[in-house]
Amino acid sequence: MCCAALLLAGCMRKPETVAFSAAEAAFIKKPGTGVITGHAFRTRPLGQIVNAAGEVVYLVPQTGFARERFKNLFGEGYYVAHRFFPMEGERNAEYDAHVRETKTESNGRFAFKDVAPGDYFVMTTVTWGKEEDWIREGGVVYDKVTLTGKETEPVHLVLSGK
């Protein structure tokens, strides 16, 4: 739920100055043969791996709007701690309509099939601790991927925040 707020909401952060363009994001809705697989996890301070079990994974077309949004959320990194999640704000329905979703398995593995060529962000949440705790450990991880349409094997990502 927090990840959805982070991805889709205007949130308590610097607002985007680039307008969303449905035409620029339209490639995500085209038919494709690409497959993106991945493993989402975080490593706790003492070395224990925590998988993103049952979490929603978002496939976001890299548009000017999305690039600015991710830069505002993540800065130069690929991870933002749970305590810094933006929790509320305005939604952009057009942006939401150009984002694909899937869920991770219990081992943190996920897949997107029939993906059209293009540049994408792939993002999910990895947290641990009690559900009712306001401040949990972990956070949101993402990575970038490009599909050319010439891939013969799935493109594999590791979403660990590094």
C-alpha atoms as a PDB file:
ATOM      1  CA  MET A   1       0.000   0.000   0.000  1.00  0.00           C
ATOM      2  CA  CYS A   2       2.780   2.423   0.853  1.00  0.00           C
ATOM      3  CA  CYS A   3       4.561   1.592  -2.387  1.00  0.00           C
ATOM      4  CA  ALA A   4       1.410   2.396  -4.357  1.00  0.00           C
ATOM      5  CA  ALA A   5       1.223   5.743  -2.573  1.00  0.00           C
ATOM      6  CA  LEU A   6       4.859   6.368  -3.416  1.00  0.00           C
ATOM      7  CA  LEU A   7       4.507   5.454  -7.063  1.00  0.00           C
ATOM      8  CA  LEU A   8       1.153   6.918  -7.893  1.00  0.00           C
ATOM      9  CA  ALA A   9       0.664   9.865  -5.573  1.00  0.00           C
ATOM     10  CA  GLY A  10       1.876  13.408  -5.864  1.00  0.00           C
ATOM     11  CA  CYS A  11       3.099  12.899  -2.305  1.00  0.00           C
ATOM     12  CA  MET A  12       4.887  15.125   0.159  1.00  0.00           C
ATOM     13  CA  ARG A  13       7.870  15.860  -2.054  1.00  0.00           C
ATOM     14  CA  LYS A  14       8.979  18.196  -4.788  1.00  0.00           C
ATOM     15  CA  PRO A  15       6.274  18.207  -7.505  1.00  0.00           C
ATOM     16  CA  GLU A  16       7.072  17.339 -11.093  1.00  0.00           C
ATOM     17  CA  THR A  17       7.547  20.215 -13.515  1.00  0.00           C
ATOM     18  CA  VAL A  18       7.378  18.003 -16.610  1.00  0.00           C
ATOM     19  CA  ALA A  19       3.817  17.271 -17.735  1.00  0.00           C
ATOM     20  CA  PHE A  20       2.793  13.647 -18.209  1.00  0.00           C
ATOM     21  CA  SER A  21       2.489  12.682 -21.891  1.00  0.00           C
ATOM     22  CA  ALA A  22       0.284   9.691 -22.711  1.00  0.00           C
ATOM     23  CA  ALA A  23       1.789   9.672 -26.212  1.00  0.00           C
ATOM     24  CA  GLU A  24       5.311   9.344 -24.785  1.00  0.00           C
ATOM     25  CA  ALA A  25       4.205   6.465 -22.514  1.00  0.00           C
ATOM     26  CA  ALA A  26       2.028   4.701 -25.121  1.00  0.00           C
ATOM     27  CA  PHE A  27       4.691   2.095 -25.951  1.00  0.00           C
ATOM     28  CA  ILE A  28       3.857   0.244 -22.711  1.00  0.00           C
ATOM     29  CA  LYS A  29       0.443  -0.635 -24.182  1.00  0.00           C
ATOM     30  CA  LYS A  30       1.811  -2.003 -27.459  1.00  0.00           C
ATOM     31  CA  PRO A  31       2.105  -5.759 -27.988  1.00  0.00           C
ATOM     32  CA  GLY A  32       5.527  -7.162 -27.318  1.00  0.00           C
ATOM     33  CA  THR A  33       7.421 -10.384 -26.853  1.00  0.00           C
ATOM     34  CA  GLY A  34       9.829  -9.256 -24.157  1.00  0.00           C
ATOM     35  CA  VAL A  35      10.020 -10.879 -20.747  1.00  0.00           C
ATOM     36  CA  ILE A  36      11.413  -9.191 -17.652  1.00  0.00           C
ATOM     37  CA  THR A  37      12.130 -11.423 -14.664  1.00  0.00           C
ATOM     38  CA  GLY A  38      13.616 -10.455 -11.368  1.00  0.00           C
ATOM     39  CA  HIS A  39      14.327 -10.988  -7.715  1.00  0.00           C
ATOM     40  CA  ALA A  40      13.458  -8.244  -5.212  1.00  0.00           C
ATOM     41  CA  PHE A  41      15.051  -8.255  -1.766  1.00  0.00           C
ATOM     42  CA  ARG A  42      16.993  -6.235   0.800  1.00  0.00           C
ATOM     43  CA  THR A  43      19.855  -7.345   3.000  1.00  0.00           C
ATOM     44  CA  ARG A  44      19.408  -6.552   6.687  1.00  0.00           C
ATOM     45  CA  PRO A  45      22.346  -5.063   8.635  1.00  0.00           C
ATOM     46  CA  LEU A  46      23.423  -8.486   9.989  1.00  0.00           C
ATOM     47  CA  GLY A  47      23.338 -10.055   6.514  1.00  0.00           C
ATOM     48  CA  GLN A  48      19.897 -11.714   6.514  1.00  0.00           C
ATOM     49  CA  ILE A  49      18.111 -11.536   3.144  1.00  0.00           C
ATOM     50  CA  VAL A  50      14.483 -10.333   3.212  1.00  0.00           C
ATOM     51  CA  ASN A  51      12.517 -11.109   0.048  1.00  0.00           C
ATOM     52  CA  ALA A  52       9.743  -8.887  -1.275  1.00  0.00           C
ATOM     53  CA  ALA A  53       7.144 -11.590  -0.654  1.00  0.00           C
ATOM     54  CA  GLY A  54       3.709 -10.912  -2.139  1.00  0.00           C
ATOM     55  CA  GLU A  55       4.498  -7.304  -3.032  1.00  0.00           C
ATOM     56  CA  VAL A  56       3.240  -5.425  -6.069  1.00  0.00           C
ATOM     57  CA  VAL A  57       5.928  -4.750  -8.682  1.00  0.00           C
ATOM     58  CA  TYR A  58       5.425  -1.788 -10.998  1.00  0.00           C
ATOM     59  CA  LEU A  59       6.599  -1.515 -14.611  1.00  0.00           C
ATOM     60  CA  VAL A  60       6.745   2.189 -15.480  1.00  0.00           C
ATOM     61  CA  PRO A  61       7.632   3.579 -18.920  1.00  0.00           C
ATOM     62  CA  GLN A  62      10.572   5.959 -18.734  1.00  0.00           C
ATOM     63  CA  THR A  63       9.035   9.234 -19.835  1.00  0.00           C
ATOM     64  CA  GLY A  64      10.154  12.746 -18.984  1.00  0.00           C
ATOM     65  CA  PHE A  65       7.505  12.837 -16.259  1.00  0.00           C
ATOM     66  CA  ALA A  66       8.548   9.462 -14.798  1.00  0.00           C
ATOM     67  CA  ARG A  67      12.274  10.258 -14.933  1.00  0.00           C
ATOM     68  CA  GLU A  68      11.673  13.479 -12.994  1.00  0.00           C
ATOM     69  CA  ARG A  69       9.400  11.678 -10.508  1.00  0.00           C
ATOM     70  CA  PHE A  70      11.970   8.934  -9.833  1.00  0.00           C
ATOM     71  CA  LYS A  71      14.757  11.532  -9.508  1.00  0.00           C
ATOM     72  CA  ASN A  72      12.640  13.443  -6.966  1.00  0.00           C
ATOM     73  CA  LEU A  73      11.874  10.265  -5.010  1.00  0.00           C
ATOM     74  CA  PHE A  74      15.219   8.463  -5.124  1.00  0.00           C
ATOM     75  CA  GLY A  75      17.830  11.125  -5.861  1.00  0.00           C
ATOM     76  CA  GLU A  76      20.908   9.365  -7.241  1.00  0.00           C
ATOM     77  CA  GLY A  77      20.171   6.036  -5.509  1.00  0.00           C
ATOM     78  CA  TYR A  78      18.000   3.003  -6.188  1.00  0.00           C
ATOM     79  CA  TYR A  79      16.455   2.768  -2.715  1.00  0.00           C
ATOM     80  CA  VAL A  80      14.425   4.948  -0.365  1.00  0.00           C
ATOM     81  CA  ALA A  81      13.866   3.949   3.266  1.00  0.00           C
ATOM     82  CA  HIS A  82      10.328   3.191   4.454  1.00  0.00           C
ATOM     83  CA  ARG A  83      10.341   6.127   6.863  1.00  0.00           C
ATOM     84  CA  PHE A  84      10.767   8.503   3.900  1.00  0.00           C
ATOM     85  CA  PHE A  85       7.830   7.122   1.906  1.00  0.00           C
ATOM     86  CA  PRO A  86       5.566   9.904   0.734  1.00  0.00           C
ATOM     87  CA  MET A  87       2.202   8.857   2.124  1.00  0.00           C
ATOM     88  CA  GLU A  88      -0.379  11.086   0.493  1.00  0.00           C
ATOM     89  CA  GLY A  89      -0.978  13.482  -2.355  1.00  0.00           C
ATOM     90  CA  GLU A  90      -2.681  13.931  -5.696  1.00  0.00           C
ATOM     91  CA  ARG A  91      -2.921  11.093  -8.176  1.00  0.00           C
ATOM     92  CA  ASN A  92      -2.355  11.324 -11.894  1.00  0.00           C
ATOM     93  CA  ALA A  93      -4.919   9.034 -13.554  1.00  0.00           C
ATOM     94  CA  GLU A  94      -3.202   9.126 -16.956  1.00  0.00           C
ATOM     95  CA  TYR A  95       0.122   8.115 -15.396  1.00  0.00           C
ATOM     96  CA  ASP A  96      -1.604   5.350 -13.415  1.00  0.00           C
ATOM     97  CA  ALA A  97      -3.155   4.026 -16.641  1.00  0.00           C
ATOM     98  CA  HIS A  98       0.317   3.597 -18.175  1.00  0.00           C
ATOM     99  CA  VAL A  99       1.804   1.492 -15.377  1.00  0.00           C
ATOM    100  CA  ARG A 100       1.721  -2.321 -15.425  1.00  0.00           C
ATOM    101  CA  GLU A 101       1.676  -4.390 -12.236  1.00  0.00           C
ATOM    102  CA  THR A 102       2.496  -7.917 -11.160  1.00  0.00           C
ATOM    103  CA  LYS A 103       3.108  -9.519  -7.758  1.00  0.00           C
ATOM    104  CA  THR A 104       6.161 -11.194  -6.335  1.00  0.00           C
ATOM    105  CA  GLU A 105       6.123 -14.787  -5.235  1.00  0.00           C
ATOM    106  CA  SER A 106       7.057 -15.653  -1.642  1.00  0.00           C
ATOM    107  CA  ASN A 107      10.725 -15.853  -2.697  1.00  0.00           C
ATOM    108  CA  GLY A 108      10.689 -12.300  -4.114  1.00  0.00           C
ATOM    109  CA  ARG A 109      10.687 -13.466  -7.758  1.00  0.00           C
ATOM    110  CA  PHE A 110       8.513 -11.776 -10.357  1.00  0.00           C
ATOM    111  CA  ALA A 111       7.932 -11.642 -14.118  1.00  0.00           C
ATOM    112  CA  PHE A 112       6.394  -9.334 -16.702  1.00  0.00           C
ATOM    113  CA  LYS A 113       5.500 -11.031 -19.991  1.00  0.00           C
ATOM    114  CA  ASP A 114       4.594  -9.664 -23.419  1.00  0.00           C
ATOM    115  CA  VAL A 115       6.511  -6.429 -22.819  1.00  0.00           C
ATOM    116  CA  ALA A 116       6.974  -4.038 -25.737  1.00  0.00           C
ATOM    117  CA  PRO A 117      10.415  -2.618 -26.559  1.00  0.00           C
ATOM    118  CA  GLY A 118      11.309   0.505 -24.585  1.00  0.00           C
ATOM    119  CA  ASP A 119      12.963   1.914 -21.493  1.00  0.00           C
ATOM    120  CA  TYR A 120      11.317   1.116 -18.149  1.00  0.00           C
ATOM    121  CA  PHE A 121      11.612   1.560 -14.405  1.00  0.00           C
ATOM    122  CA  VAL A 122      10.792  -1.528 -12.309  1.00  0.00           C
ATOM    123  CA  MET A 123       9.964  -0.855  -8.658  1.00  0.00           C
ATOM    124  CA  THR A 124       8.665  -2.618  -5.539  1.00  0.00           C
ATOM    125  CA  THR A 125       8.657  -2.527  -1.744  1.00  0.00           C
ATOM    126  CA  VAL A 126      10.731  -4.673   0.603  1.00  0.00           C
ATOM    127  CA  THR A 127       9.903  -4.143   4.284  1.00  0.00           C
ATOM    128  CA  TRP A 128       9.942  -6.106   7.502  1.00  0.00           C
ATOM    129  CA  GLY A 129       8.643  -5.597  10.998  1.00  0.00           C
ATOM    130  CA  LYS A 130       5.117  -5.374  12.330  1.00  0.00           C
ATOM    131  CA  GLU A 131       2.459  -4.276   9.837  1.00  0.00           C
ATOM    132  CA  GLU A 132       0.976  -1.802  12.316  1.00  0.00           C
ATOM    133  CA  ASP A 133       4.298  -0.044  12.966  1.00  0.00           C
ATOM    134  CA  TRP A 134       4.507   3.408  11.391  1.00  0.00           C
ATOM    135  CA  ILE A 135       8.264   3.083  10.983  1.00  0.00           C
ATOM    136  CA  ARG A 136       9.226  -0.254   9.519  1.00  0.00           C
ATOM    137  CA  GLU A 137      12.575  -1.351   8.226  1.00  0.00           C
ATOM    138  CA  GLY A 138      13.349  -1.698   4.553  1.00  0.00           C
ATOM    139  CA  GLY A 139      11.897   0.475   1.845  1.00  0.00           C
ATOM    140  CA  VAL A 140      11.375   0.845  -1.890  1.00  0.00           C
ATOM    141  CA  VAL A 141      13.828  -0.471  -4.486  1.00  0.00           C
ATOM    142  CA  TYR A 142      13.943   0.025  -8.228  1.00  0.00           C
ATOM    143  CA  ASP A 143      16.080  -0.428 -11.304  1.00  0.00           C
ATOM    144  CA  LYS A 144      16.035   0.542 -14.966  1.00  0.00           C
ATOM    145  CA  VAL A 145      15.741  -1.813 -17.911  1.00  0.00           C
ATOM    146  CA  THR A 146      15.720  -1.453 -21.685  1.00  0.00           C
ATOM    147  CA  LEU A 147      14.108  -3.930 -24.056  1.00  0.00           C
ATOM    148  CA  THR A 148      15.124  -3.682 -27.709  1.00  0.00           C
ATOM    149  CA  GLY A 149      12.683  -6.234 -29.092  1.00  0.00           C
ATOM    150  CA  LYS A 150      15.602  -8.461 -30.153  1.00  0.00           C
ATOM    151  CA  GLU A 151      15.914 -10.372 -26.860  1.00  0.00           C
ATOM    152  CA  THR A 152      15.795 -14.160 -27.144  1.00  0.00           C
ATOM    153  CA  GLU A 153      15.940 -14.729 -23.381  1.00  0.00           C
ATOM    154  CA  PRO A 154      14.220 -12.988 -20.465  1.00  0.00           C
ATOM    155  CA  VAL A 155      15.980  -9.892 -19.160  1.00  0.00           C
ATOM    156  CA  HIS A 156      16.723 -10.491 -15.466  1.00  0.00           C
ATOM    157  CA  LEU A 157      16.850  -7.758 -12.814  1.00  0.00           C
ATOM    158  CA  VAL A 158      17.995  -7.774  -9.211  1.00  0.00           C
ATOM    159  CA  LEU A 159      16.045  -5.188  -7.213  1.00  0.00           C
ATOM    160  CA  SER A 160      18.052  -4.743  -4.032  1.00  0.00           C
ATOM    161  CA  GLY A 161      18.576  -0.996  -3.927  1.00  0.00           C
ATOM    162  CA  LYS A 162      22.204  -1.252  -5.030  1.00  0.00           C
END
